Protein backbone atom coordinates (compact mmCIF):
# COMPACT_ATOMS: atom_id res chain seq x y z
CA UNK A 1 77.73 77.21 118.36
CA UNK A 2 74.12 77.64 119.62
CA UNK A 3 75.31 80.55 121.81
CA UNK A 4 77.23 78.13 124.02
CA UNK A 5 80.58 77.08 122.54
CA UNK A 6 83.14 79.32 120.88
CA UNK A 7 85.42 77.79 118.25
CA UNK A 8 88.35 80.02 117.33
CA UNK A 9 91.01 79.76 114.59
CA UNK A 10 90.05 79.30 110.97
CA UNK A 11 91.49 75.78 110.70
CA UNK A 12 89.44 74.49 113.63
CA UNK A 13 86.31 76.11 112.21
CA UNK A 14 86.85 74.60 108.77
CA UNK A 15 87.41 71.13 110.25
CA UNK A 16 84.24 71.51 112.30
CA UNK A 17 82.30 72.41 109.15
CA UNK A 18 83.86 69.83 106.84
CA UNK A 19 81.74 66.84 107.94
CA UNK A 20 78.60 69.01 107.72
CA UNK A 21 79.40 70.06 104.18
CA UNK A 22 80.51 66.69 102.82
CA UNK A 23 84.08 67.87 102.33
CA UNK A 24 85.72 65.59 104.91
CA UNK A 25 86.80 62.20 103.47
CA UNK A 26 85.49 59.07 105.18
CA UNK A 27 88.76 57.26 104.59
CA UNK A 28 91.17 58.14 107.40
CA UNK A 29 94.29 57.97 105.24
CA UNK A 30 92.77 60.25 102.60
CA UNK A 31 91.55 62.56 105.39
CA UNK A 32 95.14 62.85 106.64
CA UNK A 33 96.35 63.72 103.13
CA UNK A 34 93.60 66.32 102.76
CA UNK A 35 94.54 67.83 106.10
CA UNK A 36 98.21 67.95 105.10
CA UNK A 37 97.30 69.91 101.95
CA UNK A 38 95.10 72.24 104.01
CA UNK A 39 97.89 72.82 106.53
CA UNK A 40 100.32 73.56 103.69
CA UNK A 41 97.95 76.26 102.49
CA UNK A 42 97.54 77.66 106.01
CA UNK A 43 101.31 78.01 106.28
CA UNK A 44 101.07 80.55 103.44
CA UNK A 45 98.85 82.83 105.54
CA UNK A 46 101.36 84.53 107.78
CA UNK A 47 103.63 85.86 105.03
CA UNK A 48 100.83 86.59 102.54
CA UNK A 49 98.08 88.26 104.55
CA UNK A 50 100.11 91.10 106.13
CA UNK A 51 101.74 91.90 102.77
CA UNK A 52 98.48 92.03 100.82
CA UNK A 53 96.36 93.72 103.46
CA UNK A 54 98.77 96.14 105.12
CA UNK A 55 102.22 96.55 103.55
CA UNK A 56 102.75 99.67 101.41
CA UNK A 57 105.49 101.35 99.41
CA UNK A 58 109.06 100.13 99.71
CA UNK A 59 108.08 97.78 102.56
CA UNK A 60 105.53 96.10 100.28
CA UNK A 61 108.06 95.70 97.44
CA UNK A 62 110.74 94.31 99.74
CA UNK A 63 108.43 91.82 101.44
CA UNK A 64 106.79 90.76 98.17
CA UNK A 65 110.13 90.13 96.46
CA UNK A 66 111.44 88.25 99.49
CA UNK A 67 108.41 85.97 99.46
CA UNK A 68 108.52 84.90 95.81
CA UNK A 69 111.04 82.03 95.97
CA UNK A 70 109.16 80.32 98.79
CA UNK A 71 105.83 80.96 97.10
CA UNK A 72 106.97 79.39 93.83
CA UNK A 73 108.30 76.38 95.75
CA UNK A 74 104.91 75.93 97.46
CA UNK A 75 103.09 76.20 94.13
CA UNK A 76 105.42 73.57 92.70
CA UNK A 77 104.42 71.24 95.57
CA UNK A 78 100.73 71.80 94.82
CA UNK A 79 101.33 71.24 91.10
CA UNK A 80 102.98 67.86 91.78
CA UNK A 81 100.17 66.84 94.12
CA UNK A 82 97.52 67.74 91.55
CA UNK A 83 99.35 65.82 88.84
CA UNK A 84 99.21 62.67 90.99
CA UNK A 85 95.39 62.72 90.81
CA UNK A 86 94.58 62.96 87.08
CA UNK A 87 90.96 61.84 87.52
CA UNK A 88 89.78 65.35 88.40
CA UNK A 89 90.80 68.98 88.76
CA UNK A 90 90.66 69.19 92.57
CA UNK A 91 93.51 68.39 94.92
CA UNK A 92 92.46 64.76 95.32
CA UNK A 93 90.39 64.07 92.23
CA UNK A 94 86.91 64.91 91.00
CA UNK A 95 85.47 65.78 94.44
CA UNK A 96 86.38 68.96 96.33
CA UNK A 97 87.49 68.61 99.93
CA UNK A 98 88.05 71.37 102.46
CA UNK A 99 91.72 71.63 101.50
CA UNK A 100 90.72 72.90 98.05
CA UNK A 101 89.12 75.97 99.60
CA UNK A 102 92.16 76.69 101.74
CA UNK A 103 94.52 76.35 98.77
CA UNK A 104 92.23 78.47 96.58
CA UNK A 105 92.05 81.23 99.14
CA UNK A 106 95.76 81.61 99.68
CA UNK A 107 96.62 81.41 95.99
CA UNK A 108 93.99 84.10 95.41
CA UNK A 109 95.94 86.28 97.82
CA UNK A 110 99.21 85.45 96.09
CA UNK A 111 97.73 86.49 92.74
CA UNK A 112 97.23 89.96 94.21
CA UNK A 113 101.03 90.17 94.25
CA UNK A 114 101.59 88.83 90.71
CA UNK A 115 98.76 88.14 88.27
CA UNK A 116 101.06 85.92 86.16
CA UNK A 117 102.11 83.78 89.11
CA UNK A 118 100.44 80.61 87.76
CA UNK A 119 101.87 80.82 84.25
CA UNK A 120 103.97 77.68 84.81
CA UNK A 121 101.44 75.83 86.97
CA UNK A 122 98.65 74.56 84.67
CA UNK A 123 97.24 72.06 87.16
CA UNK A 124 96.95 74.74 89.83
CA UNK A 125 95.19 77.01 87.33
CA UNK A 126 92.68 74.24 86.55
CA UNK A 127 92.05 73.71 90.27
CA UNK A 128 91.38 77.41 90.77
CA UNK A 129 88.87 77.41 87.90
CA UNK A 130 87.25 74.24 89.24
CA UNK A 131 86.67 75.85 92.65
CA UNK A 132 85.24 78.95 90.98
CA UNK A 133 82.88 76.70 89.00
CA UNK A 134 81.29 75.13 92.10
CA UNK A 135 77.66 75.96 92.85
CA UNK A 136 77.43 79.19 94.79
CA UNK A 137 81.07 80.17 94.47
CA UNK A 138 80.70 82.57 91.55
CA UNK A 139 77.84 84.35 93.30
CA UNK A 140 79.93 84.63 96.44
CA UNK A 141 82.96 85.97 94.58
CA UNK A 142 80.81 88.48 92.69
CA UNK A 143 79.27 89.79 95.94
CA UNK A 144 82.49 89.81 97.96
CA UNK A 145 83.94 93.26 98.80
CA UNK A 146 86.60 94.33 96.32
CA UNK A 147 90.14 94.79 97.58
CA UNK A 148 91.91 97.79 96.01
CA UNK A 149 95.16 99.64 96.48
CA UNK A 150 97.36 96.63 97.30
CA UNK A 151 100.88 97.88 97.98
CA UNK A 152 99.74 101.52 98.01
CA UNK A 153 96.76 101.95 100.35
CA UNK A 154 94.87 98.65 100.83
CA UNK A 155 91.12 99.17 101.20
CA UNK A 156 87.86 97.25 100.79
CA UNK A 157 84.97 98.63 98.75
CA UNK A 158 81.91 98.04 100.95
CA UNK A 159 78.52 99.42 99.93
CA UNK A 160 80.31 101.83 97.61
CA UNK A 161 82.61 103.20 100.31
CA UNK A 162 86.34 102.60 100.85
CA UNK A 163 87.07 100.93 104.19
CA UNK A 164 90.54 100.10 105.59
CA UNK A 165 91.31 96.37 105.63
CA UNK A 166 90.58 94.64 108.92
CA UNK A 167 87.56 96.82 109.74
CA UNK A 168 84.30 95.03 110.53
CA UNK A 169 81.21 96.04 108.57
CA UNK A 170 77.71 94.99 109.62
CA UNK A 171 75.73 95.58 106.44
CA UNK A 172 77.36 93.75 103.56
CA UNK A 173 74.93 92.36 100.96
CA UNK A 174 75.18 88.59 101.20
CA UNK A 175 72.34 86.10 101.06
CA UNK A 176 73.83 83.85 103.72
CA UNK A 177 75.44 86.41 105.97
CA UNK A 178 74.15 88.56 108.77
CA UNK A 179 77.57 90.01 109.56
CA UNK A 180 80.91 89.83 107.78
CA UNK A 181 84.38 91.06 108.68
CA UNK A 182 86.05 92.88 105.84
CA UNK A 183 89.53 91.40 106.22
CA UNK A 184 90.22 89.67 102.91
CA UNK A 185 91.27 86.27 104.26
CA UNK A 186 87.69 85.91 105.51
CA UNK A 187 87.27 84.55 101.97
CA UNK A 188 88.40 81.16 103.27
CA UNK A 189 85.41 80.62 105.54
CA UNK A 190 82.94 82.56 103.43
CA UNK A 191 83.89 80.67 100.28
CA UNK A 192 83.89 77.33 102.07
CA UNK A 193 80.42 77.88 103.53
CA UNK A 194 78.84 79.45 100.46
CA UNK A 195 80.01 76.80 98.02
CA UNK A 196 78.16 74.04 99.85
CA UNK A 197 75.62 76.12 101.74
CA UNK A 198 72.73 73.76 101.01
CA UNK A 199 74.43 71.15 103.21
CA UNK A 200 74.26 73.50 106.20
CA UNK A 201 70.47 73.70 106.40
CA UNK A 202 69.44 72.73 109.90
CA UNK A 203 72.68 74.04 111.37
CA UNK A 204 71.66 77.59 112.19
CA UNK A 205 73.25 79.39 115.09
CA UNK A 206 76.84 78.86 114.01
CA UNK A 207 78.88 82.04 114.47
CA UNK A 208 82.47 81.97 113.27
CA UNK A 209 85.39 84.12 114.33
CA UNK A 210 89.11 83.63 113.79
CA UNK A 211 92.08 85.90 114.39
CA UNK A 212 95.80 86.18 113.82
CA UNK A 213 98.35 87.94 115.97
CA UNK A 214 97.42 91.41 114.69
CA UNK A 215 93.67 91.82 114.64
CA UNK A 216 90.39 90.06 113.94
CA UNK A 217 89.62 89.31 110.29
CA UNK A 218 86.91 86.65 110.32
CA UNK A 219 84.16 88.30 112.30
CA UNK A 220 81.01 86.29 112.36
CA UNK A 221 79.37 84.67 109.38
CA UNK A 222 75.94 83.90 110.83
CA UNK A 223 74.47 81.02 108.86
CA UNK A 224 70.70 81.24 108.59
C-alpha cells in the first residue's frame, strides 16, 4: 500500500478492500456472518486449486472423485444459507458483500470439475448469475485468461499463447490492471476489485499479492 506496507494472503487483502468497495456490512453481527461465509469458501481453496490447476491423469480423477462428497456437502450449506435470505439472490439478500465473491470464485473452480454440479442447488445457481450480472463483472470474465486442459495439461491462454498455470504474465489486456498473475484463483481478487472498481477511485498505489504453500498465484493487480 503506497509502496510502504505489504498485505499478504487473499483473505486479508479482501477484508482490507471490503470497506473501500462498500461490501463490508456496518452491522457487526451481519459482518461476522458474512465473514463466516467467506471463510467457508476459503476452506474450499486447498482441495480445489491444486486439482484444477495442476493435477493430471489418474491423479486428477482420483482427487476429483475423492473431493465430491465434501464439495456437495459444502454446496448444501450454501444452499440453506441462501434460502434463509429470500429477499435477494446474494448470500445475505439483495446487496452483494465480499463473501459473495469468495463463494463465486470457488464454485467457479468446482464447476471446472463437473459442469452439472449445481443441478440440485437452484439458489446457488441464482447467486452465481447475480454475481455475473454485477456492473463490470461480465467485462472482467470476458477478458480473463481462459483455462484449458483441466485434468490433462492445465494451461492459460494469454495473448493467444498457452502458458502453464501459476506463471506470471506482465501484458494481459485489462483496463484496471498493470500486471496480473495467471494462476486461476486470482479471479477472487480480480473479480472483487473489478465489480466495484468505481469505489476504488482515489485509492491508487494498492498492489496485491497472495500465495499458498506451492507458489504465487495472485501477483499484483495495480489499481490505477
